Amino acid sequence: MNVSVAETELPVRLRFERPLTDDELLRFCAANALLRIERDVNGEIILMTPTGFEGGGIEGDVYGELRNWALQDGRGKAYGPNAGVTLPDGSMRAADASWVSWQRVKSLGEAQRKTFAPICPEFVIEVRSETDRLSSVREKMQMWLANGCELGWLVDPARKAVEIYRPGQQPEVQEGQAAAYGEGPVTGFVLELGSIWG
């Protein structure tokens, strides 16, 4: 029986005989541009569907607000959901929105910037889509912290909630708020939630 990826419920995990190099993974991503692709700590490739129309709009709003703030603030750069990074644990991940200080960005060589840069953002935002299991997104938030992220937000439009992740602490859940307020590396950033909650 032949089953294509198009007929399979995603996310799907693929294991190759040997882990793909970053260059091979870049080519794999380019050849499968309609999918969102990450690599876990064991070298397995995770294939995910793109977000739907509404979810994509929410991700765009979240990234747009972070980018606009970062441009005004001037201490770092905002990245969108296609900016994959290689984390200290060897996995390649991409947050829906992230922020990296200029100090970290400038520590990278030119060649490193052109691939999945070996860097962990100081701040990440993950937006839970309608197809995401809450437990899976929460695990991903803990993974970001374990790799050096200083602050993470899980934005869950279905629950109108933001879960705030800080190293060494239990997540703080804020429900029904009009805005989320940055701290630590992104002090001064405010994510307006009205349009996200719809």
N, C-alpha and C. Protein backbone atom coordinates (compact mmCIF):
# COMPACT_ATOMS: atom_id res chain seq x y z
N MET A 1 0.85 -1.18 0.00
CA MET A 1 0.00 0.00 0.00
C MET A 1 0.89 1.24 0.00
N ASN A 2 0.65 2.14 -0.95
CA ASN A 2 1.40 3.39 -1.03
C ASN A 2 0.62 4.49 -0.33
N VAL A 3 1.26 5.16 0.61
CA VAL A 3 0.63 6.28 1.32
C VAL A 3 1.57 7.47 1.20
N SER A 4 1.06 8.56 0.71
CA SER A 4 1.89 9.76 0.60
C SER A 4 1.76 10.59 1.86
N VAL A 5 2.69 11.50 2.04
CA VAL A 5 2.61 12.40 3.19
C VAL A 5 1.32 13.19 3.15
N ALA A 6 0.85 13.51 1.92
CA ALA A 6 -0.38 14.28 1.77
C ALA A 6 -1.59 13.55 2.34
N GLU A 7 -1.53 12.21 2.42
CA GLU A 7 -2.66 11.43 2.93
C GLU A 7 -2.52 11.08 4.40
N THR A 8 -1.48 11.55 5.02
CA THR A 8 -1.18 11.18 6.40
C THR A 8 -1.54 12.31 7.34
N GLU A 9 -2.11 11.97 8.49
CA GLU A 9 -2.42 12.98 9.49
C GLU A 9 -1.11 13.49 10.10
N LEU A 10 -0.94 14.80 10.11
CA LEU A 10 0.29 15.41 10.63
C LEU A 10 0.04 15.90 12.05
N PRO A 11 1.05 16.03 12.88
CA PRO A 11 2.47 15.89 12.55
C PRO A 11 2.91 14.43 12.39
N VAL A 12 3.93 14.28 11.58
CA VAL A 12 4.54 12.98 11.32
C VAL A 12 6.01 13.09 11.68
N ARG A 13 6.57 12.00 12.21
CA ARG A 13 8.00 11.97 12.52
C ARG A 13 8.69 11.01 11.56
N LEU A 14 9.79 11.46 10.98
CA LEU A 14 10.59 10.65 10.08
C LEU A 14 11.95 10.39 10.70
N ARG A 15 12.40 9.14 10.60
CA ARG A 15 13.73 8.81 11.09
C ARG A 15 14.54 8.27 9.90
N PHE A 16 15.65 8.90 9.63
CA PHE A 16 16.53 8.46 8.55
C PHE A 16 17.58 7.52 9.13
N GLU A 17 18.29 6.83 8.26
CA GLU A 17 19.33 5.90 8.73
C GLU A 17 20.39 6.62 9.54
N ARG A 18 20.62 7.87 9.19
CA ARG A 18 21.53 8.72 9.95
C ARG A 18 20.91 10.11 10.00
N PRO A 19 21.20 10.89 11.03
CA PRO A 19 20.64 12.24 11.10
C PRO A 19 21.09 13.09 9.91
N LEU A 20 20.19 13.91 9.41
CA LEU A 20 20.53 14.81 8.32
C LEU A 20 21.46 15.91 8.82
N THR A 21 22.43 16.29 8.00
CA THR A 21 23.25 17.46 8.31
C THR A 21 22.39 18.71 8.15
N ASP A 22 22.86 19.84 8.63
CA ASP A 22 22.10 21.07 8.46
C ASP A 22 21.90 21.39 6.98
N ASP A 23 22.93 21.17 6.16
CA ASP A 23 22.79 21.44 4.72
C ASP A 23 21.74 20.52 4.10
N GLU A 24 21.76 19.26 4.47
CA GLU A 24 20.75 18.32 3.96
C GLU A 24 19.36 18.70 4.44
N LEU A 25 19.26 19.14 5.69
CA LEU A 25 17.97 19.54 6.22
C LEU A 25 17.46 20.79 5.52
N LEU A 26 18.35 21.73 5.23
CA LEU A 26 17.94 22.92 4.47
C LEU A 26 17.37 22.52 3.11
N ARG A 27 18.03 21.60 2.41
CA ARG A 27 17.54 21.14 1.11
C ARG A 27 16.21 20.41 1.25
N PHE A 28 16.08 19.60 2.31
CA PHE A 28 14.83 18.89 2.57
C PHE A 28 13.69 19.88 2.80
N CYS A 29 13.96 20.93 3.57
CA CYS A 29 12.95 21.96 3.84
C CYS A 29 12.56 22.67 2.54
N ALA A 30 13.55 22.99 1.71
CA ALA A 30 13.27 23.67 0.44
C ALA A 30 12.43 22.80 -0.48
N ALA A 31 12.69 21.49 -0.48
CA ALA A 31 11.94 20.57 -1.34
C ALA A 31 10.53 20.31 -0.83
N ASN A 32 10.26 20.65 0.42
CA ASN A 32 8.95 20.43 1.04
C ASN A 32 8.44 21.74 1.63
N ALA A 33 8.48 22.78 0.82
CA ALA A 33 8.21 24.14 1.30
C ALA A 33 6.80 24.33 1.84
N LEU A 34 5.86 23.46 1.49
CA LEU A 34 4.50 23.62 1.99
C LEU A 34 4.33 23.12 3.42
N LEU A 35 5.35 22.43 3.94
CA LEU A 35 5.28 21.90 5.30
C LEU A 35 6.12 22.74 6.24
N ARG A 36 5.79 22.69 7.51
CA ARG A 36 6.65 23.27 8.55
C ARG A 36 7.46 22.11 9.09
N ILE A 37 8.76 22.28 9.13
CA ILE A 37 9.66 21.17 9.44
C ILE A 37 10.60 21.56 10.58
N GLU A 38 10.74 20.64 11.54
CA GLU A 38 11.70 20.80 12.62
C GLU A 38 12.43 19.48 12.81
N ARG A 39 13.52 19.50 13.57
CA ARG A 39 14.27 18.29 13.89
C ARG A 39 14.37 18.19 15.40
N ASP A 40 14.05 17.02 15.96
CA ASP A 40 14.12 16.89 17.41
C ASP A 40 15.52 16.50 17.86
N VAL A 41 15.69 16.36 19.16
CA VAL A 41 17.01 16.11 19.74
C VAL A 41 17.58 14.75 19.29
N ASN A 42 16.70 13.82 18.88
CA ASN A 42 17.15 12.50 18.42
C ASN A 42 17.42 12.46 16.93
N GLY A 43 17.28 13.58 16.24
CA GLY A 43 17.51 13.63 14.81
C GLY A 43 16.28 13.32 13.98
N GLU A 44 15.16 13.02 14.63
CA GLU A 44 13.93 12.77 13.88
C GLU A 44 13.41 14.06 13.28
N ILE A 45 12.89 13.95 12.06
CA ILE A 45 12.31 15.10 11.38
C ILE A 45 10.82 15.13 11.70
N ILE A 46 10.33 16.30 12.10
CA ILE A 46 8.93 16.49 12.44
C ILE A 46 8.28 17.30 11.32
N LEU A 47 7.30 16.70 10.64
CA LEU A 47 6.57 17.37 9.57
C LEU A 47 5.24 17.83 10.11
N MET A 48 4.97 19.13 9.97
CA MET A 48 3.72 19.71 10.47
C MET A 48 3.02 20.45 9.34
N THR A 49 1.71 20.52 9.44
CA THR A 49 0.97 21.29 8.45
C THR A 49 1.17 22.78 8.69
N PRO A 50 1.06 23.57 7.63
CA PRO A 50 1.02 25.01 7.87
C PRO A 50 -0.24 25.33 8.67
N THR A 51 -0.25 26.47 9.32
CA THR A 51 -1.46 26.86 10.05
C THR A 51 -2.53 27.23 9.05
N GLY A 52 -3.77 27.18 9.47
CA GLY A 52 -4.87 27.59 8.61
C GLY A 52 -4.90 29.10 8.44
N PHE A 53 -5.89 29.57 7.73
CA PHE A 53 -6.01 31.00 7.40
C PHE A 53 -6.06 31.86 8.66
N GLU A 54 -6.95 31.51 9.58
CA GLU A 54 -7.09 32.30 10.80
C GLU A 54 -5.83 32.21 11.67
N GLY A 55 -5.32 30.97 11.85
CA GLY A 55 -4.12 30.79 12.65
C GLY A 55 -2.92 31.52 12.07
N GLY A 56 -2.81 31.50 10.74
CA GLY A 56 -1.71 32.22 10.09
C GLY A 56 -1.82 33.72 10.31
N GLY A 57 -3.05 34.23 10.33
CA GLY A 57 -3.25 35.65 10.60
C GLY A 57 -2.85 36.01 12.02
N ILE A 58 -3.18 35.14 12.97
CA ILE A 58 -2.80 35.39 14.36
C ILE A 58 -1.28 35.36 14.50
N GLU A 59 -0.63 34.34 13.91
CA GLU A 59 0.84 34.29 13.96
C GLU A 59 1.44 35.55 13.36
N GLY A 60 0.87 36.00 12.23
CA GLY A 60 1.36 37.22 11.59
C GLY A 60 1.22 38.44 12.49
N ASP A 61 0.08 38.54 13.17
CA ASP A 61 -0.14 39.67 14.09
C ASP A 61 0.88 39.65 15.22
N VAL A 62 1.11 38.46 15.79
CA VAL A 62 2.04 38.33 16.92
C VAL A 62 3.45 38.71 16.47
N TYR A 63 3.90 38.13 15.36
CA TYR A 63 5.24 38.45 14.85
C TYR A 63 5.33 39.94 14.50
N GLY A 64 4.27 40.47 13.87
CA GLY A 64 4.28 41.88 13.47
C GLY A 64 4.44 42.82 14.65
N GLU A 65 3.73 42.52 15.75
CA GLU A 65 3.85 43.38 16.94
C GLU A 65 5.26 43.29 17.53
N LEU A 66 5.81 42.06 17.58
CA LEU A 66 7.17 41.91 18.12
C LEU A 66 8.19 42.60 17.21
N ARG A 67 8.04 42.45 15.91
CA ARG A 67 8.98 43.08 14.97
C ARG A 67 8.92 44.61 15.09
N ASN A 68 7.72 45.16 15.12
CA ASN A 68 7.59 46.62 15.22
C ASN A 68 8.24 47.13 16.50
N TRP A 69 8.02 46.42 17.60
CA TRP A 69 8.64 46.83 18.86
C TRP A 69 10.17 46.73 18.77
N ALA A 70 10.67 45.62 18.21
CA ALA A 70 12.12 45.42 18.12
C ALA A 70 12.78 46.51 17.28
N LEU A 71 12.14 46.92 16.21
CA LEU A 71 12.69 47.99 15.38
C LEU A 71 12.79 49.30 16.16
N GLN A 72 11.78 49.58 16.97
CA GLN A 72 11.80 50.81 17.78
C GLN A 72 12.77 50.70 18.94
N ASP A 73 12.81 49.52 19.57
CA ASP A 73 13.64 49.32 20.75
C ASP A 73 15.13 49.33 20.42
N GLY A 74 15.50 48.65 19.34
CA GLY A 74 16.89 48.69 18.87
C GLY A 74 17.89 47.78 19.55
N ARG A 75 17.46 46.95 20.53
CA ARG A 75 18.42 46.09 21.25
C ARG A 75 18.57 44.71 20.63
N GLY A 76 17.71 44.37 19.67
CA GLY A 76 17.76 43.04 19.09
C GLY A 76 16.89 42.96 17.86
N LYS A 77 16.73 41.74 17.37
CA LYS A 77 15.99 41.51 16.12
C LYS A 77 14.90 40.47 16.35
N ALA A 78 13.74 40.69 15.73
CA ALA A 78 12.63 39.74 15.79
C ALA A 78 12.69 38.82 14.58
N TYR A 79 12.30 37.56 14.80
CA TYR A 79 12.29 36.55 13.74
C TYR A 79 10.91 35.90 13.68
N GLY A 80 10.51 35.49 12.48
CA GLY A 80 9.21 34.85 12.26
C GLY A 80 9.30 33.34 12.27
N PRO A 81 8.20 32.68 11.91
CA PRO A 81 8.10 31.22 12.07
C PRO A 81 8.95 30.40 11.11
N ASN A 82 9.60 31.01 10.15
CA ASN A 82 10.45 30.26 9.23
C ASN A 82 11.93 30.34 9.60
N ALA A 83 12.25 30.99 10.71
CA ALA A 83 13.65 31.14 11.12
C ALA A 83 14.05 30.00 12.05
N GLY A 84 14.53 28.91 11.47
CA GLY A 84 14.97 27.77 12.27
C GLY A 84 16.32 28.00 12.89
N VAL A 85 16.49 27.52 14.11
CA VAL A 85 17.77 27.63 14.82
C VAL A 85 18.17 26.25 15.34
N THR A 86 19.47 26.02 15.42
CA THR A 86 19.98 24.79 16.03
C THR A 86 20.26 25.08 17.49
N LEU A 87 19.57 24.37 18.35
CA LEU A 87 19.68 24.60 19.79
C LEU A 87 20.83 23.78 20.38
N PRO A 88 21.27 24.12 21.60
CA PRO A 88 22.37 23.38 22.23
C PRO A 88 22.14 21.87 22.31
N ASP A 89 20.87 21.42 22.37
CA ASP A 89 20.61 19.98 22.44
C ASP A 89 20.70 19.29 21.07
N GLY A 90 20.97 20.07 20.01
CA GLY A 90 21.10 19.52 18.67
C GLY A 90 19.84 19.55 17.84
N SER A 91 18.71 19.89 18.46
CA SER A 91 17.46 19.97 17.70
C SER A 91 17.44 21.25 16.87
N MET A 92 16.62 21.25 15.81
CA MET A 92 16.40 22.46 15.01
C MET A 92 14.94 22.81 15.20
N ARG A 93 14.70 23.99 15.72
CA ARG A 93 13.34 24.43 16.01
C ARG A 93 13.11 25.84 15.46
N ALA A 94 11.84 26.16 15.30
CA ALA A 94 11.45 27.49 14.84
C ALA A 94 10.23 27.93 15.65
N ALA A 95 10.36 29.02 16.37
CA ALA A 95 9.24 29.56 17.13
C ALA A 95 8.35 30.37 16.20
N ASP A 96 7.09 30.55 16.57
CA ASP A 96 6.20 31.38 15.77
C ASP A 96 6.69 32.82 15.72
N ALA A 97 7.30 33.27 16.79
CA ALA A 97 7.95 34.58 16.83
C ALA A 97 9.05 34.48 17.88
N SER A 98 10.18 35.13 17.61
CA SER A 98 11.28 35.10 18.58
C SER A 98 12.06 36.40 18.51
N TRP A 99 12.83 36.64 19.56
CA TRP A 99 13.66 37.83 19.64
C TRP A 99 15.05 37.42 20.11
N VAL A 100 16.06 37.94 19.41
CA VAL A 100 17.45 37.66 19.74
C VAL A 100 18.19 38.99 19.88
N SER A 101 18.95 39.15 20.95
CA SER A 101 19.71 40.38 21.15
C SER A 101 20.78 40.53 20.08
N TRP A 102 21.13 41.77 19.77
CA TRP A 102 22.19 42.01 18.78
C TRP A 102 23.50 41.37 19.23
N GLN A 103 23.74 41.33 20.54
CA GLN A 103 24.96 40.70 21.04
C GLN A 103 25.05 39.24 20.58
N ARG A 104 23.94 38.50 20.71
CA ARG A 104 23.94 37.10 20.25
C ARG A 104 24.01 37.00 18.73
N VAL A 105 23.27 37.86 18.05
CA VAL A 105 23.28 37.82 16.58
C VAL A 105 24.70 38.07 16.07
N LYS A 106 25.37 39.06 16.64
CA LYS A 106 26.71 39.42 16.16
C LYS A 106 27.77 38.39 16.54
N SER A 107 27.45 37.49 17.46
CA SER A 107 28.41 36.44 17.82
C SER A 107 28.46 35.34 16.76
N LEU A 108 27.52 35.36 15.83
CA LEU A 108 27.46 34.36 14.77
C LEU A 108 28.34 34.75 13.59
N GLY A 109 28.98 33.76 12.99
CA GLY A 109 29.72 34.00 11.77
C GLY A 109 28.76 34.12 10.60
N GLU A 110 29.27 34.64 9.48
CA GLU A 110 28.43 34.85 8.31
C GLU A 110 27.82 33.53 7.82
N ALA A 111 28.62 32.48 7.78
CA ALA A 111 28.11 31.18 7.31
C ALA A 111 27.04 30.64 8.26
N GLN A 112 27.20 30.87 9.56
CA GLN A 112 26.21 30.38 10.54
C GLN A 112 24.86 31.07 10.35
N ARG A 113 24.88 32.33 9.94
CA ARG A 113 23.63 33.08 9.76
C ARG A 113 22.85 32.57 8.56
N LYS A 114 23.51 31.88 7.63
CA LYS A 114 22.85 31.45 6.40
C LYS A 114 22.22 30.07 6.52
N THR A 115 22.43 29.41 7.64
CA THR A 115 21.85 28.09 7.85
C THR A 115 21.00 28.16 9.12
N PHE A 116 20.80 27.05 9.79
CA PHE A 116 20.08 27.05 11.06
C PHE A 116 21.07 27.46 12.14
N ALA A 117 21.11 28.74 12.45
CA ALA A 117 22.13 29.30 13.32
C ALA A 117 22.17 28.59 14.68
N PRO A 118 23.37 28.31 15.19
CA PRO A 118 23.51 27.69 16.51
C PRO A 118 23.29 28.73 17.61
N ILE A 119 22.02 28.96 17.91
CA ILE A 119 21.68 30.03 18.84
C ILE A 119 20.31 29.74 19.44
N CYS A 120 20.10 30.15 20.66
CA CYS A 120 18.77 30.06 21.26
C CYS A 120 18.26 31.48 21.48
N PRO A 121 17.08 31.80 20.97
CA PRO A 121 16.54 33.14 21.22
C PRO A 121 16.34 33.38 22.72
N GLU A 122 16.51 34.63 23.13
CA GLU A 122 16.24 34.97 24.52
C GLU A 122 14.74 34.94 24.83
N PHE A 123 13.91 35.19 23.80
CA PHE A 123 12.47 35.28 23.98
C PHE A 123 11.77 34.58 22.82
N VAL A 124 10.77 33.76 23.14
CA VAL A 124 9.99 33.09 22.09
C VAL A 124 8.51 33.21 22.39
N ILE A 125 7.73 33.20 21.32
CA ILE A 125 6.28 33.12 21.41
C ILE A 125 5.83 31.95 20.54
N GLU A 126 5.05 31.06 21.11
CA GLU A 126 4.41 29.99 20.35
C GLU A 126 2.91 30.23 20.40
N VAL A 127 2.27 30.16 19.24
CA VAL A 127 0.82 30.34 19.14
C VAL A 127 0.21 28.96 18.94
N ARG A 128 -0.69 28.60 19.82
CA ARG A 128 -1.36 27.29 19.69
C ARG A 128 -2.42 27.37 18.60
N SER A 129 -2.27 26.53 17.58
CA SER A 129 -3.27 26.48 16.52
C SER A 129 -4.35 25.48 16.91
N GLU A 130 -5.41 25.43 16.13
CA GLU A 130 -6.53 24.55 16.45
C GLU A 130 -6.14 23.08 16.39
N THR A 131 -5.10 22.75 15.63
CA THR A 131 -4.69 21.35 15.51
C THR A 131 -3.62 20.95 16.52
N ASP A 132 -3.08 21.92 17.28
CA ASP A 132 -2.03 21.62 18.25
C ASP A 132 -2.61 21.05 19.54
N ARG A 133 -2.03 19.94 20.01
CA ARG A 133 -2.37 19.46 21.35
C ARG A 133 -1.69 20.37 22.36
N LEU A 134 -2.43 20.80 23.38
CA LEU A 134 -1.88 21.71 24.38
C LEU A 134 -0.64 21.10 25.04
N SER A 135 -0.69 19.80 25.33
CA SER A 135 0.45 19.15 25.98
C SER A 135 1.71 19.23 25.12
N SER A 136 1.56 19.13 23.80
CA SER A 136 2.73 19.19 22.90
C SER A 136 3.34 20.58 22.88
N VAL A 137 2.48 21.60 22.86
CA VAL A 137 3.00 22.97 22.84
C VAL A 137 3.66 23.30 24.18
N ARG A 138 3.10 22.80 25.26
CA ARG A 138 3.71 23.02 26.57
C ARG A 138 5.08 22.34 26.65
N GLU A 139 5.19 21.14 26.09
CA GLU A 139 6.50 20.46 26.06
C GLU A 139 7.51 21.28 25.26
N LYS A 140 7.05 21.86 24.16
CA LYS A 140 7.96 22.68 23.35
C LYS A 140 8.42 23.91 24.13
N MET A 141 7.52 24.50 24.91
CA MET A 141 7.92 25.65 25.72
C MET A 141 9.00 25.26 26.73
N GLN A 142 8.85 24.09 27.36
CA GLN A 142 9.86 23.62 28.31
C GLN A 142 11.19 23.35 27.59
N MET A 143 11.11 22.84 26.35
CA MET A 143 12.31 22.60 25.56
C MET A 143 13.06 23.90 25.29
N TRP A 144 12.32 24.97 24.96
CA TRP A 144 12.97 26.27 24.75
C TRP A 144 13.73 26.69 26.01
N LEU A 145 13.08 26.59 27.18
CA LEU A 145 13.74 26.98 28.43
C LEU A 145 14.97 26.13 28.70
N ALA A 146 14.87 24.83 28.46
CA ALA A 146 15.99 23.93 28.72
C ALA A 146 17.20 24.24 27.85
N ASN A 147 16.98 24.93 26.75
CA ASN A 147 18.07 25.27 25.83
C ASN A 147 18.58 26.71 25.99
N GLY A 148 18.06 27.42 26.99
CA GLY A 148 18.62 28.75 27.27
C GLY A 148 17.70 29.92 27.04
N CYS A 149 16.46 29.69 26.63
CA CYS A 149 15.52 30.79 26.46
C CYS A 149 15.22 31.40 27.84
N GLU A 150 15.16 32.72 27.88
CA GLU A 150 14.97 33.42 29.15
C GLU A 150 13.50 33.72 29.46
N LEU A 151 12.66 33.75 28.44
CA LEU A 151 11.25 34.05 28.62
C LEU A 151 10.48 33.50 27.43
N GLY A 152 9.36 32.83 27.70
CA GLY A 152 8.53 32.30 26.62
C GLY A 152 7.07 32.51 26.91
N TRP A 153 6.32 32.78 25.85
CA TRP A 153 4.88 32.93 25.96
C TRP A 153 4.20 31.91 25.06
N LEU A 154 3.25 31.18 25.62
CA LEU A 154 2.38 30.31 24.83
C LEU A 154 1.05 31.05 24.72
N VAL A 155 0.72 31.48 23.52
CA VAL A 155 -0.51 32.22 23.28
C VAL A 155 -1.55 31.22 22.78
N ASP A 156 -2.66 31.11 23.50
CA ASP A 156 -3.70 30.13 23.18
C ASP A 156 -5.02 30.86 22.90
N PRO A 157 -5.29 31.18 21.63
CA PRO A 157 -6.52 31.93 21.31
C PRO A 157 -7.79 31.20 21.71
N ALA A 158 -7.81 29.87 21.64
CA ALA A 158 -9.03 29.12 21.97
C ALA A 158 -9.43 29.33 23.43
N ARG A 159 -8.44 29.45 24.30
CA ARG A 159 -8.71 29.65 25.74
C ARG A 159 -8.60 31.12 26.14
N LYS A 160 -8.22 31.98 25.20
CA LYS A 160 -7.94 33.39 25.49
C LYS A 160 -6.97 33.48 26.67
N ALA A 161 -5.88 32.73 26.53
CA ALA A 161 -4.91 32.64 27.63
C ALA A 161 -3.49 32.79 27.10
N VAL A 162 -2.64 33.34 27.94
CA VAL A 162 -1.20 33.39 27.69
C VAL A 162 -0.53 32.70 28.87
N GLU A 163 0.27 31.69 28.56
CA GLU A 163 1.06 31.02 29.59
C GLU A 163 2.47 31.58 29.51
N ILE A 164 2.98 32.06 30.64
CA ILE A 164 4.30 32.69 30.69
C ILE A 164 5.29 31.71 31.30
N TYR A 165 6.36 31.45 30.56
CA TYR A 165 7.38 30.48 30.97
C TYR A 165 8.67 31.21 31.32
N ARG A 166 9.16 30.92 32.53
CA ARG A 166 10.42 31.49 33.01
C ARG A 166 11.27 30.35 33.56
N PRO A 167 12.60 30.40 33.39
CA PRO A 167 13.45 29.32 33.90
C PRO A 167 13.27 29.11 35.39
N GLY A 168 13.17 27.84 35.80
CA GLY A 168 13.10 27.50 37.21
C GLY A 168 11.80 27.80 37.90
N GLN A 169 10.75 28.18 37.13
CA GLN A 169 9.46 28.51 37.73
C GLN A 169 8.35 27.75 37.03
N GLN A 170 7.24 27.59 37.74
CA GLN A 170 6.04 27.03 37.12
C GLN A 170 5.45 28.08 36.17
N PRO A 171 4.87 27.64 35.06
CA PRO A 171 4.26 28.62 34.15
C PRO A 171 3.15 29.42 34.84
N GLU A 172 3.07 30.66 34.49
CA GLU A 172 2.01 31.54 34.99
C GLU A 172 0.95 31.66 33.90
N VAL A 173 -0.29 31.41 34.23
CA VAL A 173 -1.37 31.47 33.24
C VAL A 173 -2.17 32.75 33.45
N GLN A 174 -2.29 33.53 32.39
CA GLN A 174 -3.10 34.74 32.41
C GLN A 174 -4.23 34.55 31.41
N GLU A 175 -5.46 34.63 31.89
CA GLU A 175 -6.62 34.40 31.01
C GLU A 175 -7.41 35.69 30.83
N GLY A 176 -7.86 35.91 29.59
CA GLY A 176 -8.75 37.03 29.29
C GLY A 176 -8.13 38.40 29.40
N GLN A 177 -6.81 38.49 29.43
CA GLN A 177 -6.15 39.79 29.55
C GLN A 177 -6.20 40.54 28.20
N ALA A 178 -6.14 41.86 28.27
CA ALA A 178 -6.14 42.69 27.06
C ALA A 178 -4.76 42.78 26.44
N ALA A 179 -3.71 42.47 27.23
CA ALA A 179 -2.34 42.58 26.72
C ALA A 179 -1.43 41.71 27.57
N ALA A 180 -0.30 41.35 26.98
CA ALA A 180 0.77 40.65 27.70
C ALA A 180 1.97 41.59 27.72
N TYR A 181 2.65 41.66 28.87
CA TYR A 181 3.72 42.64 29.06
C TYR A 181 5.08 41.96 29.19
N GLY A 182 6.01 42.41 28.35
CA GLY A 182 7.35 41.85 28.35
C GLY A 182 8.11 42.19 29.62
N GLU A 183 9.11 41.36 29.87
CA GLU A 183 10.00 41.55 31.03
C GLU A 183 11.35 40.99 30.64
N GLY A 184 12.31 41.12 31.52
CA GLY A 184 13.64 40.56 31.25
C GLY A 184 14.19 41.06 29.92
N PRO A 185 14.51 40.14 28.99
CA PRO A 185 15.14 40.57 27.74
C PRO A 185 14.25 41.46 26.88
N VAL A 186 12.93 41.36 27.04
CA VAL A 186 12.02 42.17 26.21
C VAL A 186 11.19 43.13 27.06
N THR A 187 11.82 43.67 28.10
CA THR A 187 11.14 44.69 28.90
C THR A 187 10.72 45.83 27.99
N GLY A 188 9.46 46.22 28.10
CA GLY A 188 8.94 47.30 27.27
C GLY A 188 8.06 46.80 26.13
N PHE A 189 8.15 45.52 25.80
CA PHE A 189 7.30 44.97 24.74
C PHE A 189 5.91 44.71 25.29
N VAL A 190 4.89 45.12 24.53
CA VAL A 190 3.50 44.87 24.90
C VAL A 190 2.82 44.21 23.72
N LEU A 191 2.26 43.03 23.95
CA LEU A 191 1.50 42.33 22.93
C LEU A 191 0.02 42.60 23.16
N GLU A 192 -0.58 43.37 22.27
CA GLU A 192 -2.01 43.66 22.37
C GLU A 192 -2.79 42.42 21.94
N LEU A 193 -3.70 41.96 22.78
CA LEU A 193 -4.37 40.68 22.55
C LEU A 193 -5.79 40.80 22.00
N GLY A 194 -6.33 42.01 21.94
CA GLY A 194 -7.71 42.18 21.50
C GLY A 194 -7.99 41.56 20.14
N SER A 195 -7.15 41.86 19.14
CA SER A 195 -7.38 41.32 17.80
C SER A 195 -7.10 39.82 17.76
N ILE A 196 -6.22 39.36 18.63
CA ILE A 196 -5.88 37.92 18.65
C ILE A 196 -7.05 37.13 19.23
N TRP A 197 -7.67 37.67 20.26
CA TRP A 197 -8.82 36.97 20.85
C TRP A 197 -10.03 37.05 19.94
N GLY A 198 -10.04 38.05 19.05
CA GLY A 198 -11.14 38.17 18.08
C GLY A 198 -12.38 38.55 18.73
